[in-house]
N, C-alpha and C. Protein backbone atom coordinates (compact mmCIF):
# COMPACT_ATOMS: atom_id res chain seq x y z
N MET A 1 -25.38 -8.15 -8.56
CA MET A 1 -25.29 -8.56 -7.18
C MET A 1 -24.65 -7.79 -6.06
N ALA A 2 -25.36 -7.51 -5.12
CA ALA A 2 -24.59 -6.67 -3.99
C ALA A 2 -23.58 -7.60 -2.85
N ILE A 3 -23.04 -7.03 -2.40
CA ILE A 3 -21.71 -7.51 -1.89
C ILE A 3 -22.17 -7.95 0.00
N ILE A 4 -21.80 -9.18 -0.06
CA ILE A 4 -22.43 -9.80 1.21
C ILE A 4 -21.78 -8.23 2.53
N ASN A 5 -22.50 -8.18 3.11
CA ASN A 5 -22.06 -7.29 4.39
C ASN A 5 -20.91 -8.01 4.87
N ASP A 6 -20.44 -7.85 6.74
CA ASP A 6 -19.43 -8.18 6.96
C ASP A 6 -19.72 -9.51 7.24
N THR A 7 -20.74 -10.01 7.22
CA THR A 7 -20.82 -11.66 7.93
C THR A 7 -20.20 -12.60 7.00
N PHE A 8 -19.80 -11.88 5.56
CA PHE A 8 -18.97 -12.42 4.64
C PHE A 8 -17.81 -12.59 5.16
N ASP A 9 -16.79 -14.04 5.53
CA ASP A 9 -15.76 -13.84 5.89
C ASP A 9 -15.25 -15.70 5.64
N PHE A 10 -14.23 -15.94 6.15
CA PHE A 10 -13.47 -17.16 6.16
C PHE A 10 -14.17 -18.30 6.27
N SER A 11 -14.91 -17.94 7.69
CA SER A 11 -15.38 -19.37 8.30
C SER A 11 -17.09 -19.33 7.49
N LEU A 12 -17.42 -18.21 6.88
CA LEU A 12 -18.92 -18.88 5.75
C LEU A 12 -18.37 -19.49 5.18
N ILE A 13 -17.56 -19.30 4.36
CA ILE A 13 -17.05 -20.20 2.96
C ILE A 13 -16.58 -21.29 3.59
N ALA A 14 -16.15 -21.89 4.57
CA ALA A 14 -15.35 -23.01 5.02
C ALA A 14 -16.76 -24.01 5.53
N ASP A 15 -17.58 -23.21 6.09
CA ASP A 15 -18.88 -23.80 6.49
C ASP A 15 -19.68 -24.73 5.53
N HIS A 16 -19.64 -23.59 4.67
CA HIS A 16 -20.21 -24.34 2.92
C HIS A 16 -19.40 -25.48 2.52
N PHE A 17 -18.17 -24.98 2.51
CA PHE A 17 -17.66 -26.33 1.98
C PHE A 17 -17.42 -27.77 2.57
N LEU A 18 -17.76 -26.93 4.19
CA LEU A 18 -17.83 -28.62 4.83
C LEU A 18 -19.40 -29.45 4.66
N VAL A 19 -20.12 -28.37 4.49
CA VAL A 19 -21.92 -29.01 4.00
C VAL A 19 -21.51 -29.79 2.99
N HIS A 20 -20.31 -29.82 1.87
CA HIS A 20 -20.19 -30.47 0.78
C HIS A 20 -19.18 -31.60 1.13
N GLY A 21 -18.94 -32.06 2.55
CA GLY A 21 -17.64 -32.60 2.85
C GLY A 21 -16.33 -32.25 2.05
N SER A 22 -16.01 -31.12 2.35
CA SER A 22 -14.50 -30.85 1.86
C SER A 22 -13.98 -29.86 3.06
N LEU A 23 -12.92 -30.56 3.34
CA LEU A 23 -11.92 -29.88 4.09
C LEU A 23 -10.38 -29.27 3.72
N ASN A 24 -11.01 -28.50 2.47
CA ASN A 24 -10.57 -27.79 1.82
C ASN A 24 -10.06 -26.19 2.18
N ASN A 25 -9.20 -25.93 1.80
CA ASN A 25 -8.87 -24.47 2.75
C ASN A 25 -9.51 -23.31 1.46
N PRO A 26 -10.34 -23.01 2.08
CA PRO A 26 -10.99 -21.50 1.18
C PRO A 26 -9.90 -20.92 0.23
N SER A 27 -9.17 -20.61 1.39
CA SER A 27 -8.07 -19.30 1.25
C SER A 27 -7.40 -19.52 -0.26
N PHE A 28 -6.54 -20.99 -0.37
CA PHE A 28 -6.67 -21.41 -1.70
C PHE A 28 -7.29 -20.87 -3.19
N LEU A 29 -8.62 -21.43 -2.72
CA LEU A 29 -9.21 -21.20 -4.22
C LEU A 29 -9.10 -19.57 -4.06
N ASP A 30 -9.39 -18.88 -3.12
CA ASP A 30 -9.63 -17.25 -3.21
C ASP A 30 -8.07 -16.48 -3.49
N GLY A 31 -7.22 -17.42 -3.54
CA GLY A 31 -5.78 -16.87 -4.09
C GLY A 31 -5.79 -17.23 -5.97
N GLN A 32 -6.39 -18.19 -6.23
CA GLN A 32 -6.84 -18.63 -7.58
C GLN A 32 -7.58 -17.35 -8.29
N LEU A 33 -8.82 -17.15 -7.56
CA LEU A 33 -10.03 -16.43 -7.76
C LEU A 33 -8.92 -14.92 -8.39
N VAL A 34 -8.59 -14.39 -6.95
CA VAL A 34 -7.78 -12.93 -6.95
C VAL A 34 -6.97 -13.08 -8.20
N ALA A 35 -6.22 -13.68 -8.46
CA ALA A 35 -5.18 -14.04 -9.91
C ALA A 35 -5.81 -13.94 -11.05
N ALA A 36 -7.53 -14.46 -10.94
CA ALA A 36 -7.86 -14.79 -12.30
C ALA A 36 -8.38 -13.77 -12.60
N LEU A 37 -9.05 -12.98 -11.18
CA LEU A 37 -9.55 -11.35 -11.44
C LEU A 37 -8.75 -10.52 -11.66
N ALA A 38 -7.63 -10.40 -11.75
CA ALA A 38 -6.23 -9.61 -11.77
C ALA A 38 -5.47 -9.39 -13.44
N LEU A 39 -5.40 -10.83 -13.78
CA LEU A 39 -4.76 -11.13 -14.73
C LEU A 39 -6.15 -10.61 -16.23
N ASP A 40 -7.12 -11.25 -16.21
CA ASP A 40 -8.41 -11.02 -16.54
C ASP A 40 -9.49 -10.89 -16.11
N ASP A 41 -9.98 -12.20 -15.71
CA ASP A 41 -11.49 -11.74 -15.36
C ASP A 41 -11.86 -13.57 -15.41
N ILE A 42 -12.64 -13.84 -14.43
CA ILE A 42 -13.31 -14.96 -14.72
C ILE A 42 -15.29 -15.07 -14.53
N SER A 43 -15.65 -15.64 -15.14
CA SER A 43 -17.02 -15.47 -15.15
C SER A 43 -17.65 -16.29 -14.03
N ALA A 44 -19.05 -15.69 -14.04
CA ALA A 44 -19.51 -16.60 -12.73
C ALA A 44 -19.59 -17.76 -12.95
N GLU A 45 -20.00 -17.96 -13.94
CA GLU A 45 -20.23 -19.54 -14.69
C GLU A 45 -18.90 -19.97 -14.50
N ASP A 46 -17.60 -19.91 -14.80
CA ASP A 46 -16.85 -20.59 -14.90
C ASP A 46 -16.39 -20.50 -12.98
N TRP A 47 -16.40 -19.45 -12.58
CA TRP A 47 -16.01 -19.71 -10.96
C TRP A 47 -16.72 -20.70 -10.23
N LEU A 48 -17.96 -20.74 -10.65
CA LEU A 48 -19.00 -21.79 -9.81
C LEU A 48 -18.33 -22.97 -10.46
N ASN A 49 -18.05 -23.25 -11.28
CA ASN A 49 -17.96 -24.74 -11.95
C ASN A 49 -16.42 -25.28 -11.08
N ARG A 50 -15.50 -24.17 -11.00
CA ARG A 50 -13.97 -23.99 -10.74
C ARG A 50 -14.26 -24.44 -9.12
N VAL A 51 -15.33 -23.85 -8.38
CA VAL A 51 -15.02 -24.21 -6.97
C VAL A 51 -16.36 -25.58 -6.56
N CYS A 52 -16.61 -25.65 -7.62
CA CYS A 52 -17.79 -27.25 -7.39
C CYS A 52 -16.77 -28.34 -7.46
N ALA A 53 -16.16 -28.24 -8.58
CA ALA A 53 -14.71 -28.91 -9.00
C ALA A 53 -13.72 -29.22 -8.05
N SER A 54 -13.17 -28.37 -7.25
CA SER A 54 -12.68 -28.35 -5.88
C SER A 54 -13.64 -28.67 -4.97
N LEU A 55 -14.82 -28.76 -4.94
CA LEU A 55 -15.47 -29.79 -4.08
C LEU A 55 -15.56 -30.83 -3.97
N GLY A 56 -15.38 -31.49 -5.43
CA GLY A 56 -16.19 -32.64 -5.86
C GLY A 56 -17.42 -33.16 -6.31
N VAL A 57 -17.83 -31.79 -6.81
CA VAL A 57 -19.42 -32.19 -7.05
C VAL A 57 -19.97 -31.18 -8.04
N GLU A 58 -21.15 -31.34 -8.97
CA GLU A 58 -21.22 -31.19 -10.09
C GLU A 58 -22.13 -29.94 -10.06
N GLN A 59 -22.79 -29.51 -8.63
CA GLN A 59 -23.21 -28.44 -8.32
C GLN A 59 -23.51 -27.80 -6.98
N PRO A 60 -23.58 -26.89 -6.48
CA PRO A 60 -23.86 -27.04 -4.79
C PRO A 60 -25.14 -27.32 -4.15
N ALA A 61 -24.59 -28.02 -3.33
CA ALA A 61 -25.52 -28.84 -2.46
C ALA A 61 -27.19 -27.75 -1.96
N THR A 62 -26.68 -26.53 -1.99
CA THR A 62 -27.75 -26.00 -1.42
C THR A 62 -27.83 -24.16 -2.31
N ARG A 63 -29.05 -23.80 -2.54
CA ARG A 63 -28.96 -22.42 -3.07
C ARG A 63 -28.18 -21.87 -2.66
N GLU A 64 -28.48 -21.51 -0.82
CA GLU A 64 -27.23 -20.38 -0.10
C GLU A 64 -25.73 -20.69 -0.59
N ALA A 65 -25.32 -22.13 -0.66
CA ALA A 65 -24.04 -22.02 -1.00
C ALA A 65 -23.91 -21.56 -2.29
N GLY A 66 -24.64 -21.95 -3.46
CA GLY A 66 -24.45 -21.53 -4.45
C GLY A 66 -24.25 -19.57 -4.55
N GLU A 67 -25.40 -19.20 -4.18
CA GLU A 67 -25.74 -17.72 -3.85
C GLU A 67 -24.02 -17.09 -3.08
N ALA A 68 -23.76 -18.13 -1.89
CA ALA A 68 -22.52 -17.78 -1.16
C ALA A 68 -21.19 -17.45 -2.34
N PHE A 69 -20.95 -18.61 -2.88
CA PHE A 69 -20.07 -18.63 -4.09
C PHE A 69 -20.32 -17.91 -4.96
N LEU A 70 -21.10 -17.38 -5.87
CA LEU A 70 -21.05 -15.99 -6.68
C LEU A 70 -20.85 -14.65 -5.78
N VAL A 71 -21.10 -14.66 -5.01
CA VAL A 71 -20.66 -13.25 -4.22
C VAL A 71 -19.52 -13.18 -3.83
N TRP A 72 -18.75 -14.16 -3.40
CA TRP A 72 -17.77 -14.39 -2.97
C TRP A 72 -16.22 -13.85 -4.37
N ARG A 73 -16.98 -14.61 -5.73
CA ARG A 73 -16.56 -13.68 -6.71
C ARG A 73 -16.70 -12.16 -7.13
N THR A 74 -18.04 -11.82 -7.03
CA THR A 74 -18.28 -10.47 -7.03
C THR A 74 -17.66 -9.64 -5.94
N ARG A 75 -17.61 -10.19 -4.88
CA ARG A 75 -16.73 -9.55 -3.42
C ARG A 75 -15.47 -8.81 -3.92
N ASN A 76 -15.06 -10.10 -4.27
CA ASN A 76 -13.12 -9.82 -4.81
C ASN A 76 -13.20 -8.75 -6.14
N GLN A 77 -14.45 -9.03 -6.92
CA GLN A 77 -13.82 -8.34 -8.35
C GLN A 77 -14.16 -6.52 -7.59
N GLU A 78 -15.10 -6.52 -7.04
CA GLU A 78 -15.88 -4.96 -6.47
C GLU A 78 -14.33 -4.39 -5.84
N ARG A 79 -14.10 -5.34 -4.97
CA ARG A 79 -13.03 -4.65 -4.08
C ARG A 79 -11.44 -4.67 -4.64
N LEU A 80 -11.22 -5.33 -5.45
CA LEU A 80 -10.17 -5.11 -6.07
C LEU A 80 -10.19 -3.81 -7.15
N ALA A 81 -11.07 -3.28 -7.58
CA ALA A 81 -11.56 -2.17 -8.29
C ALA A 81 -11.85 -0.85 -7.84
N ALA A 82 -12.27 -1.03 -6.41
CA ALA A 82 -12.98 0.14 -5.95
C ALA A 82 -11.15 1.25 -5.28
N SER A 83 -11.84 2.31 -5.15
CA SER A 83 -10.94 3.37 -5.43
C SER A 83 -10.22 3.33 -4.22
N GLU A 84 -10.99 3.09 -2.97
CA GLU A 84 -10.38 3.14 -1.66
C GLU A 84 -9.65 2.17 -1.53
N MET A 85 -9.20 0.74 -2.69
CA MET A 85 -8.59 -0.46 -2.48
C MET A 85 -8.65 -1.07 -1.29
N SER A 86 -10.08 -1.46 -1.36
CA SER A 86 -10.70 -2.12 -0.15
C SER A 86 -10.66 -3.39 -0.16
N PHE A 87 -9.86 -4.00 -1.01
CA PHE A 87 -9.59 -5.59 -1.18
C PHE A 87 -8.69 -6.35 -0.34
N GLU A 88 -9.11 -7.34 0.51
CA GLU A 88 -8.00 -8.29 1.39
C GLU A 88 -8.30 -9.62 1.04
N PRO A 89 -7.63 -10.65 1.05
CA PRO A 89 -7.38 -11.87 0.97
C PRO A 89 -8.51 -12.22 1.88
N LEU A 90 -9.02 -13.38 1.21
CA LEU A 90 -10.00 -14.51 2.31
C LEU A 90 -9.14 -15.12 3.08
N LEU A 91 -8.97 -15.14 4.52
CA LEU A 91 -8.00 -15.78 5.68
C LEU A 91 -8.99 -15.52 6.93
N PRO A 92 -8.74 -16.69 7.64
CA PRO A 92 -9.12 -16.56 9.02
C PRO A 92 -8.80 -15.39 9.90
N ASP A 93 -10.03 -15.24 10.74
CA ASP A 93 -9.79 -14.01 11.56
C ASP A 93 -8.93 -14.38 13.19
N GLU A 94 -9.21 -13.41 13.72
CA GLU A 94 -8.37 -13.91 15.00
C GLU A 94 -8.81 -14.82 15.95
N MET A 95 -9.98 -15.66 15.62
CA MET A 95 -10.64 -16.69 16.34
C MET A 95 -9.87 -17.55 16.16
N PHE A 96 -8.99 -18.34 14.87
CA PHE A 96 -8.20 -18.99 14.97
C PHE A 96 -6.67 -18.55 14.91
N SER A 97 -6.38 -19.55 15.86
CA SER A 97 -4.79 -19.65 16.09
C SER A 97 -3.73 -19.00 15.14
N LEU A 98 -2.51 -18.33 15.46
CA LEU A 98 -1.96 -17.44 14.41
C LEU A 98 -1.21 -19.17 13.49
N ALA A 99 -1.11 -20.15 14.24
CA ALA A 99 -0.67 -21.18 13.00
C ALA A 99 -1.66 -21.29 12.06
N GLU A 100 -2.61 -21.59 12.23
CA GLU A 100 -3.82 -21.75 11.66
C GLU A 100 -3.65 -20.51 10.65
N ARG A 101 -3.91 -19.23 10.65
CA ARG A 101 -3.83 -18.33 10.15
C ARG A 101 -2.66 -17.71 9.01
N ALA A 102 -1.01 -18.66 9.58
CA ALA A 102 -0.30 -18.95 8.73
C ALA A 102 -0.75 -19.82 7.38
N GLN A 103 -1.05 -20.83 7.94
CA GLN A 103 -1.29 -21.89 7.02
C GLN A 103 -1.93 -21.02 5.76
N SER A 104 -3.22 -20.85 6.20
CA SER A 104 -4.26 -20.05 5.33
C SER A 104 -3.36 -19.45 4.49
N LEU A 105 -2.56 -18.28 4.74
CA LEU A 105 -1.55 -17.08 4.23
C LEU A 105 -1.30 -18.44 3.00
N ARG A 106 -0.30 -18.98 3.12
CA ARG A 106 0.77 -19.97 2.41
C ARG A 106 -0.27 -20.56 1.50
N GLU A 107 -1.62 -20.79 2.00
CA GLU A 107 -2.42 -21.23 0.99
C GLU A 107 -2.93 -20.43 -0.06
N TRP A 108 -3.26 -19.48 0.55
CA TRP A 108 -3.50 -18.51 -0.58
C TRP A 108 -2.54 -17.93 -1.13
N THR A 109 -0.99 -18.18 -1.05
CA THR A 109 0.18 -17.41 -1.87
C THR A 109 0.28 -18.93 -2.68
N LEU A 110 -0.27 -19.48 -2.36
CA LEU A 110 0.15 -20.98 -2.86
C LEU A 110 -1.05 -20.99 -4.32
N GLY A 111 -2.43 -20.37 -4.08
CA GLY A 111 -3.20 -20.50 -5.30
C GLY A 111 -2.90 -19.65 -6.18
N PHE A 112 -2.52 -18.12 -5.45
CA PHE A 112 -2.13 -16.70 -6.22
C PHE A 112 -1.22 -17.63 -7.45
N GLN A 113 0.04 -18.02 -6.92
CA GLN A 113 1.17 -18.68 -7.85
C GLN A 113 0.79 -19.35 -9.21
N GLU A 114 -0.15 -20.66 -8.49
CA GLU A 114 -0.72 -21.66 -9.34
C GLU A 114 -1.29 -20.86 -10.65
N GLU A 115 -2.23 -19.88 -10.09
CA GLU A 115 -3.44 -19.08 -11.65
C GLU A 115 -2.11 -18.22 -11.81
N LEU A 116 -1.31 -17.49 -11.53
CA LEU A 116 0.06 -17.00 -12.24
C LEU A 116 0.95 -17.81 -13.09
N SER A 117 1.14 -19.25 -12.79
CA SER A 117 2.06 -20.02 -13.64
C SER A 117 1.84 -20.38 -14.95
N GLY A 118 0.31 -19.90 -15.53
CA GLY A 118 0.10 -19.78 -17.11
C GLY A 118 0.48 -19.02 -17.54
N VAL A 119 1.01 -17.65 -17.24
CA VAL A 119 1.23 -16.33 -17.73
C VAL A 119 2.51 -16.78 -18.54
N ASP A 120 2.52 -16.43 -19.64
CA ASP A 120 3.60 -16.29 -20.86
C ASP A 120 4.72 -15.64 -20.13
N GLY A 121 6.19 -16.32 -20.71
CA GLY A 121 7.08 -15.23 -20.52
C GLY A 121 7.05 -13.99 -21.15
N GLU A 122 6.51 -13.78 -22.02
CA GLU A 122 6.40 -12.62 -23.19
C GLU A 122 5.39 -11.77 -22.26
N ALA A 123 4.37 -11.99 -22.05
CA ALA A 123 3.49 -11.26 -20.82
C ALA A 123 4.23 -10.69 -19.57
N ARG A 124 4.88 -11.42 -18.92
CA ARG A 124 5.73 -11.07 -17.78
C ARG A 124 7.09 -9.94 -18.33
N GLU A 125 7.55 -10.04 -19.15
CA GLU A 125 8.42 -9.34 -19.65
C GLU A 125 7.88 -7.40 -19.97
N GLY A 126 6.32 -7.70 -19.81
CA GLY A 126 5.62 -6.32 -19.99
C GLY A 126 5.67 -5.75 -18.64
N TRP A 127 5.52 -7.15 -17.65
CA TRP A 127 5.26 -6.07 -15.97
C TRP A 127 6.26 -5.11 -15.95
N SER A 128 6.05 -4.16 -14.82
CA SER A 128 6.85 -3.29 -14.40
C SER A 128 8.12 -3.89 -13.28
N ARG A 129 8.98 -3.13 -12.94
CA ARG A 129 10.30 -4.04 -11.71
C ARG A 129 9.17 -3.73 -10.37
N ALA A 130 8.44 -3.36 -10.39
CA ALA A 130 7.69 -3.05 -8.99
C ALA A 130 6.53 -4.14 -8.94
N LEU A 131 6.22 -4.47 -10.20
CA LEU A 131 5.23 -5.61 -9.81
C LEU A 131 6.14 -7.11 -9.87
N LYS A 132 6.85 -7.34 -10.58
CA LYS A 132 8.01 -8.29 -10.89
C LYS A 132 8.67 -8.65 -8.94
N ASP A 133 8.75 -7.57 -8.39
CA ASP A 133 9.24 -7.61 -6.93
C ASP A 133 8.39 -8.05 -5.91
N ALA A 134 7.23 -7.43 -6.31
CA ALA A 134 6.14 -7.86 -5.54
C ALA A 134 5.92 -9.12 -5.66
N LEU A 135 5.84 -10.13 -6.94
CA LEU A 135 5.51 -10.93 -6.74
C LEU A 135 6.63 -11.68 -6.41
N GLY A 136 7.52 -11.49 -6.37
CA GLY A 136 8.62 -12.44 -5.88
C GLY A 136 8.83 -12.15 -4.40
N ASP A 137 8.19 -11.12 -3.81
CA ASP A 137 7.91 -10.87 -2.28
C ASP A 137 7.18 -12.53 -1.74
N VAL A 138 5.71 -12.49 -2.83
CA VAL A 138 4.82 -13.49 -2.42
C VAL A 138 5.07 -14.94 -2.43
N GLU A 139 6.64 -14.64 -3.36
CA GLU A 139 6.90 -16.46 -3.60
C GLU A 139 7.93 -16.32 -1.86
N SER A 140 8.14 -15.41 -1.67
CA SER A 140 9.56 -15.53 -0.44
C SER A 140 8.80 -15.93 0.80
N ILE A 141 7.48 -15.10 0.49
CA ILE A 141 6.12 -15.45 2.09
C ILE A 141 5.85 -16.45 2.02
N SER A 142 5.47 -16.97 0.69
CA SER A 142 5.01 -18.68 0.71
C SER A 142 6.10 -20.15 0.87
N ALA A 143 7.45 -19.46 0.55
CA ALA A 143 8.63 -20.49 0.84
C ALA A 143 8.76 -20.34 2.73
N GLY A 144 8.85 -18.95 2.90
CA GLY A 144 8.93 -18.97 4.79
C GLY A 144 7.80 -19.48 5.53
N LEU A 145 6.85 -19.35 5.05
CA LEU A 145 5.86 -20.01 5.52
C LEU A 145 6.08 -21.77 5.76
N GLU A 146 6.59 -22.07 4.54
CA GLU A 146 6.60 -23.93 4.14
C GLU A 146 7.60 -24.11 5.57
N ASN A 147 8.18 -23.28 6.06
CA ASN A 147 9.38 -23.73 6.40
C ASN A 147 9.73 -23.84 8.00
N GLY A 148 8.11 -23.33 7.80
CA GLY A 148 7.42 -23.79 9.50
C GLY A 148 8.16 -22.47 10.38
N ILE A 149 7.53 -21.26 10.45
CA ILE A 149 8.19 -20.25 11.16
C ILE A 149 7.40 -20.78 12.68
N ASP A 150 7.89 -20.25 13.59
CA ASP A 150 6.98 -20.48 15.34
C ASP A 150 6.41 -19.53 15.43
N LEU A 151 4.80 -19.55 15.81
CA LEU A 151 4.38 -18.09 16.12
C LEU A 151 3.61 -19.04 17.57
N ASP A 152 4.12 -17.49 18.26
CA ASP A 152 3.16 -17.99 19.54
C ASP A 152 1.67 -16.63 19.54
N ASP A 153 0.75 -17.71 20.00
CA ASP A 153 -0.59 -16.95 20.42
C ASP A 153 -0.29 -16.13 21.10
N ASP A 154 0.09 -15.79 22.34
CA ASP A 154 0.36 -14.56 23.03
C ASP A 154 1.28 -13.73 23.04
N ASN A 155 2.44 -13.82 21.66
CA ASN A 155 3.34 -13.06 21.79
C ASN A 155 2.21 -12.05 20.25
N ALA A 156 2.43 -10.41 20.93
CA ALA A 156 1.61 -9.58 19.86
C ALA A 156 2.88 -9.18 18.40
N GLU A 157 3.81 -9.23 18.97
CA GLU A 157 5.16 -9.24 17.60
C GLU A 157 4.73 -10.16 16.76
N ASP A 158 4.19 -11.54 16.79
CA ASP A 158 4.26 -12.17 16.27
C ASP A 158 3.18 -12.19 15.35
N GLU A 159 1.92 -11.64 16.26
CA GLU A 159 0.56 -11.43 15.08
C GLU A 159 0.92 -10.35 14.29
N ALA A 160 1.81 -9.00 14.83
CA ALA A 160 2.04 -8.14 14.25
C ALA A 160 2.42 -8.64 12.46
N ASP A 161 3.59 -9.49 12.66
CA ASP A 161 4.23 -9.34 11.69
C ASP A 161 3.46 -10.72 10.52
N LEU A 162 2.40 -11.30 11.16
CA LEU A 162 1.84 -12.16 10.26
C LEU A 162 0.74 -11.36 9.62
N PHE A 163 0.16 -9.85 10.28
CA PHE A 163 -0.74 -8.94 9.62
C PHE A 163 0.56 -8.40 8.36
N ALA A 164 1.60 -8.33 8.90
CA ALA A 164 2.41 -7.28 7.82
C ALA A 164 2.66 -8.05 6.61
N LEU A 165 2.85 -9.75 6.32
CA LEU A 165 2.97 -10.42 5.21
C LEU A 165 1.76 -10.46 4.82
N ALA A 166 0.43 -10.74 5.57
CA ALA A 166 -0.77 -10.68 4.89
C ALA A 166 -0.81 -9.12 3.50
N ASP A 167 -0.88 -8.48 4.91
CA ASP A 167 -0.71 -6.59 4.23
C ASP A 167 0.41 -6.66 2.40
N HIS A 168 1.17 -7.12 2.64
CA HIS A 168 2.82 -7.58 1.34
C HIS A 168 2.01 -8.43 0.44
N VAL A 169 0.70 -9.17 0.67
CA VAL A 169 0.65 -9.97 -0.17
C VAL A 169 -0.79 -9.13 -1.25
N ARG A 170 -1.35 -8.77 0.23
CA ARG A 170 -2.56 -7.76 0.08
C ARG A 170 -2.00 -6.61 -1.73
N MET A 171 -1.15 -6.17 -1.07
CA MET A 171 -0.87 -4.97 -2.19
C MET A 171 -0.38 -5.56 -3.43
N ALA A 172 0.31 -6.51 -3.47
CA ALA A 172 0.83 -7.39 -4.53
C ALA A 172 -0.07 -7.95 -5.32
N ALA A 173 -1.40 -8.38 -4.89
CA ALA A 173 -2.53 -8.67 -5.68
C ALA A 173 -2.96 -7.24 -6.21
N LEU A 174 -3.04 -6.06 -5.73
CA LEU A 174 -4.00 -5.09 -6.03
C LEU A 174 -2.68 -4.34 -7.31
N LEU A 175 -1.43 -4.59 -6.95
CA LEU A 175 -0.24 -4.10 -8.35
C LEU A 175 -1.00 -4.55 -9.02
N LEU A 176 -1.00 -6.06 -9.49
CA LEU A 176 -1.21 -7.21 -10.21
C LEU A 176 -2.64 -6.43 -11.12
N TYR A 177 -3.40 -6.17 -10.64
CA TYR A 177 -4.40 -5.46 -10.69
C TYR A 177 -4.70 -4.46 -11.75
N THR A 178 -4.30 -3.34 -11.17
CA THR A 178 -3.78 -2.10 -11.34
C THR A 178 -3.27 -2.29 -12.62
N GLU A 179 -2.21 -2.94 -12.91
CA GLU A 179 -1.29 -3.01 -14.00
C GLU A 179 -2.18 -3.71 -15.05
N GLN A 180 -2.73 -4.91 -14.75
CA GLN A 180 -3.73 -5.38 -15.82
C GLN A 180 -4.91 -4.84 -16.45
N HIS A 181 -5.09 -3.71 -15.30
CA HIS A 181 -6.70 -2.89 -15.47
C HIS A 181 -6.29 -1.09 -15.60
N PRO A 182 -5.86 -0.86 -16.83
CA PRO A 182 -5.33 0.85 -16.36
C PRO A 182 -6.52 1.37 -15.83
N GLY A 183 -5.98 2.44 -15.40
CA GLY A 183 -7.66 3.31 -14.57
C GLY A 183 -8.81 2.81 -13.92
N LYS A 184 -8.26 1.52 -13.29
CA LYS A 184 -9.38 0.88 -12.14
C LYS A 184 -8.13 0.06 -11.01
N PRO A 185 -8.10 0.49 -9.97
CA PRO A 185 -9.17 2.08 -9.83
C PRO A 185 -8.36 3.46 -10.29
N ASP A 186 -9.32 4.01 -9.79
CA ASP A 186 -8.66 5.32 -10.67
C ASP A 186 -7.95 6.09 -9.35
N VAL A 187 -6.86 5.63 -9.00
CA VAL A 187 -5.48 6.01 -8.33
C VAL A 187 -4.42 5.83 -8.84
N GLU A 188 -3.62 6.02 -7.85
CA GLU A 188 -1.78 5.48 -7.96
C GLU A 188 -1.64 4.06 -7.94
N LYS A 189 -0.94 3.56 -8.96
CA LYS A 189 -0.83 2.43 -8.67
C LYS A 189 -0.07 2.08 -7.38
N PRO A 190 -0.19 1.00 -6.63
CA PRO A 190 0.49 0.92 -5.09
C PRO A 190 1.73 1.04 -5.80
N SER A 191 2.93 1.09 -4.66
CA SER A 191 4.45 1.33 -4.81
C SER A 191 5.05 0.84 -3.66
N ASP A 192 6.70 0.79 -4.16
CA ASP A 192 7.35 -0.03 -2.76
C ASP A 192 6.90 0.79 -1.74
N ASP A 193 6.58 2.39 -1.39
CA ASP A 193 6.66 2.87 -0.42
C ASP A 193 5.60 2.33 0.43
N GLN A 194 4.40 1.75 -0.33
CA GLN A 194 3.04 1.42 0.46
C GLN A 194 2.95 0.00 0.66
N LEU A 195 4.02 -0.93 0.64
CA LEU A 195 4.39 -2.26 1.43
C LEU A 195 4.70 -1.77 2.43
N PRO A 196 4.52 -2.98 3.49
CA PRO A 196 4.58 -2.72 4.38
C PRO A 196 6.42 -2.15 5.57
N GLU A 197 6.44 -1.55 5.93
CA GLU A 197 7.65 -1.14 5.99
C GLU A 197 8.60 -1.89 6.11
N GLY A 198 10.07 -2.17 5.70
CA GLY A 198 11.25 -2.80 5.87
C GLY A 198 10.47 -4.11 5.11
N GLY A 199 9.92 -4.27 4.09
CA GLY A 199 9.98 -5.17 3.31
C GLY A 199 9.70 -6.62 3.87
N LEU A 200 10.30 -7.61 3.61
CA LEU A 200 10.08 -9.06 3.87
C LEU A 200 11.34 -8.93 4.94
N GLU A 201 12.36 -8.11 5.10
CA GLU A 201 13.31 -8.04 6.24
C GLU A 201 13.01 -8.73 7.54
N GLY A 202 11.81 -7.60 7.85
CA GLY A 202 11.20 -7.53 9.19
C GLY A 202 9.86 -8.24 9.71
N SER A 203 9.67 -9.12 8.69
CA SER A 203 8.45 -9.80 8.58
C SER A 203 8.70 -11.03 9.30
N LEU A 204 8.25 -11.54 10.26
CA LEU A 204 8.17 -13.06 10.89
C LEU A 204 9.61 -13.02 10.97
N GLY A 205 10.94 -12.20 10.77
CA GLY A 205 11.90 -12.83 10.86
C GLY A 205 12.85 -13.50 10.11
N MET A 206 12.34 -13.32 8.78
CA MET A 206 12.18 -14.54 7.74
C MET A 206 13.67 -14.17 7.24
N SER A 207 14.38 -13.07 7.35
CA SER A 207 15.62 -13.47 7.27
C SER A 207 16.70 -14.05 7.89
N SER A 208 16.33 -14.34 9.30
CA SER A 208 16.96 -15.14 10.34
C SER A 208 16.28 -16.16 11.01
N ARG A 209 15.09 -16.16 10.45
CA ARG A 209 14.28 -17.86 11.39
C ARG A 209 14.22 -18.57 10.94
N GLN A 210 14.34 -18.64 9.34
CA GLN A 210 14.33 -19.51 8.59
C GLN A 210 15.18 -19.70 7.66
N ASP A 211 15.32 -21.06 7.11
CA ASP A 211 16.76 -21.62 6.52
C ASP A 211 16.43 -20.84 4.84
N THR A 212 18.20 -20.38 4.32
CA THR A 212 17.49 -20.02 3.58
C THR A 212 18.47 -20.63 2.12
N HIS A 213 17.67 -20.48 0.87
CA HIS A 213 18.24 -21.72 -0.10
C HIS A 213 18.56 -21.04 -1.69
């Protein structure tokens, strides 16, 4: 199945969720999907069943919705494996407020981490230090966003910082995928110097604008 073109986005999936009477955030399921694909795989049937369970239905309400949910999986699968590393988390675009976009990023990290929680300790021990650090950063991003960072829609710096956090998460997902699928994509694994400059220290002022525990 070919990937839907650039009309496939967060709003498309959110609209299909609304048709099913669900206000669930698609970003949470996307985080789960990406982790599942990165760790091993999830079949089209299992993925569709998971989406339907989240929506509280036995099957998609329309054929169009079912096709969109299946392409959602294919799109992530192909982009995670693409040599140009074109994967992007399913997040709202600039039509949404920064607060809404930040909340969706947090939802994505929660879904991603929930899927990772099923990995046993022995498997985790085999992960590289770079991957462990990157996944630790995802946890920090999730916690930082939970603490309610103030975001100003008119502040270009805030928008840039949120983009940097999203890119940090993106690279962590790619690193997980490349370690679990040697040779896919056929490029060097993302390394620390490919992550947003300054790590988390400069992103949304996480070291100074949130409480640390």
